C-alpha atoms as a PDB file:
ATOM      1  CA  MET A   1     -46.580  -6.056 -13.068  1.00  0.00           C
ATOM      2  CA  ASN A   2     -46.260  -6.059  -9.456  1.00  0.00           C
ATOM      3  CA  LYS A   3     -43.761  -4.079  -7.325  1.00  0.00           C
ATOM      4  CA  SER A   4     -41.238  -7.011  -6.484  1.00  0.00           C
ATOM      5  CA  SER A   5     -41.142  -7.675 -10.183  1.00  0.00           C
ATOM      6  CA  LEU A   6     -40.254  -4.205 -11.075  1.00  0.00           C
ATOM      7  CA  TRP A   7     -37.454  -4.081  -8.499  1.00  0.00           C
ATOM      8  CA  THR A   8     -36.228  -7.485  -9.941  1.00  0.00           C
ATOM      9  CA  TRP A   9     -35.928  -6.020 -13.322  1.00  0.00           C
ATOM     10  CA  ILE A  10     -34.194  -2.881 -12.005  1.00  0.00           C
ATOM     11  CA  GLY A  11     -31.797  -5.013 -10.046  1.00  0.00           C
ATOM     12  CA  VAL A  12     -30.817  -6.947 -13.141  1.00  0.00           C
ATOM     13  CA  ILE A  13     -30.312  -3.831 -15.170  1.00  0.00           C
ATOM     14  CA  VAL A  14     -28.118  -2.248 -12.431  1.00  0.00           C
ATOM     15  CA  ALA A  15     -26.166  -5.463 -12.132  1.00  0.00           C
ATOM     16  CA  VAL A  16     -25.499  -5.591 -15.995  1.00  0.00           C
ATOM     17  CA  VAL A  17     -24.527  -1.859 -15.909  1.00  0.00           C
ATOM     18  CA  ILE A  18     -21.994  -2.449 -13.013  1.00  0.00           C
ATOM     19  CA  ALA A  19     -20.698  -5.769 -14.424  1.00  0.00           C
ATOM     20  CA  TRP A  20     -20.055  -3.878 -17.738  1.00  0.00           C
ATOM     21  CA  PHE A  21     -18.062  -1.197 -16.089  1.00  0.00           C
ATOM     22  CA  VAL A  22     -16.100  -3.667 -14.135  1.00  0.00           C
ATOM     23  CA  ILE A  23     -15.061  -5.782 -17.070  1.00  0.00           C
ATOM     24  CA  GLU A  24     -14.362  -2.662 -19.070  1.00  0.00           C
ATOM     25  CA  LEU A  25     -12.048  -1.394 -16.319  1.00  0.00           C
ATOM     26  CA  LEU A  26     -10.505  -5.009 -15.896  1.00  0.00           C
ATOM     27  CA  PHE A  27      -9.651  -5.057 -19.648  1.00  0.00           C
ATOM     28  CA  HIS A  28      -8.096  -1.564 -19.473  1.00  0.00           C
ATOM     29  CA  VAL A  29      -5.855  -2.809 -16.598  1.00  0.00           C
ATOM     30  CA  MET A  30      -4.980  -5.910 -18.545  1.00  0.00           C
ATOM     31  CA  PHE A  31      -4.068  -4.043 -21.736  1.00  0.00           C
ATOM     32  CA  PHE A  32      -2.000  -1.633 -19.677  1.00  0.00           C
ATOM     33  CA  VAL A  33      -0.037  -4.372 -17.980  1.00  0.00           C
ATOM     34  CA  ALA A  34       0.513  -6.156 -21.320  1.00  0.00           C
ATOM     35  CA  LYS A  35       1.697  -3.036 -22.849  1.00  0.00           C
ATOM     36  CA  LEU A  36       4.065  -2.529 -19.925  1.00  0.00           C
ATOM     37  CA  ALA A  37       5.439  -5.935 -20.331  1.00  0.00           C
ATOM     38  CA  ALA A  38       6.007  -5.550 -24.103  1.00  0.00           C
ATOM     39  CA  VAL A  39       7.826  -2.240 -23.376  1.00  0.00           C
ATOM     40  CA  ALA A  40      10.008  -3.955 -20.721  1.00  0.00           C
ATOM     41  CA  VAL A  41      10.957  -6.665 -23.220  1.00  0.00           C
ATOM     42  CA  VAL A  42      11.815  -4.390 -26.038  1.00  0.00           C
ATOM     43  CA  ALA A  43      13.887  -2.232 -23.679  1.00  0.00           C
ATOM     44  CA  VAL A  44      15.945  -5.195 -22.521  1.00  0.00           C
ATOM     45  CA  ILE A  45      16.636  -6.148 -26.098  1.00  0.00           C
ATOM     46  CA  VAL A  46      17.562  -2.712 -26.973  1.00  0.00           C
ATOM     47  CA  TYR A  47      19.829  -2.414 -23.893  1.00  0.00           C
ATOM     48  CA  PHE A  48      21.693  -5.610 -24.821  1.00  0.00           C
ATOM     49  CA  VAL A  49      22.078  -4.628 -28.369  1.00  0.00           C
ATOM     50  CA  LEU A  50      23.419  -1.183 -27.567  1.00  0.00           C
ATOM     51  CA  HIS A  51      25.848  -2.771 -24.955  1.00  0.00           C
ATOM     52  CA  LEU A  52      27.102  -5.271 -27.584  1.00  0.00           C
ATOM     53  CA  LEU A  53      27.660  -2.421 -30.097  1.00  0.00           C
ATOM     54  CA  PHE A  54      29.493  -0.174 -27.482  1.00  0.00           C
ATOM     55  CA  SER A  55      31.589  -2.901 -26.005  1.00  0.00           C
ATOM     56  CA  ARG A  56      32.890  -3.860 -29.430  1.00  0.00           C
ATOM     57  CA  GLY A  57      34.219  -0.479 -29.928  1.00  0.00           C
ATOM     58  CA  GLU A  58      36.191  -0.467 -26.768  1.00  0.00           C
ATOM     59  CA  GLU A  59      38.310  -3.568 -27.606  1.00  0.00           C
END
């Protein structure tokens, strides 16, 4: 195995490791954004339900 072939393999391994961490980070960010969106939707629904319940009591 010559020197350039060795560096090629090292480059491939480093590229795969970096790609692995980038994809892992991307999935964590996507999961956080999806979770945040779900919390926002549920909060809006709860707000409107509570608003309806308390506005009926005032009439």
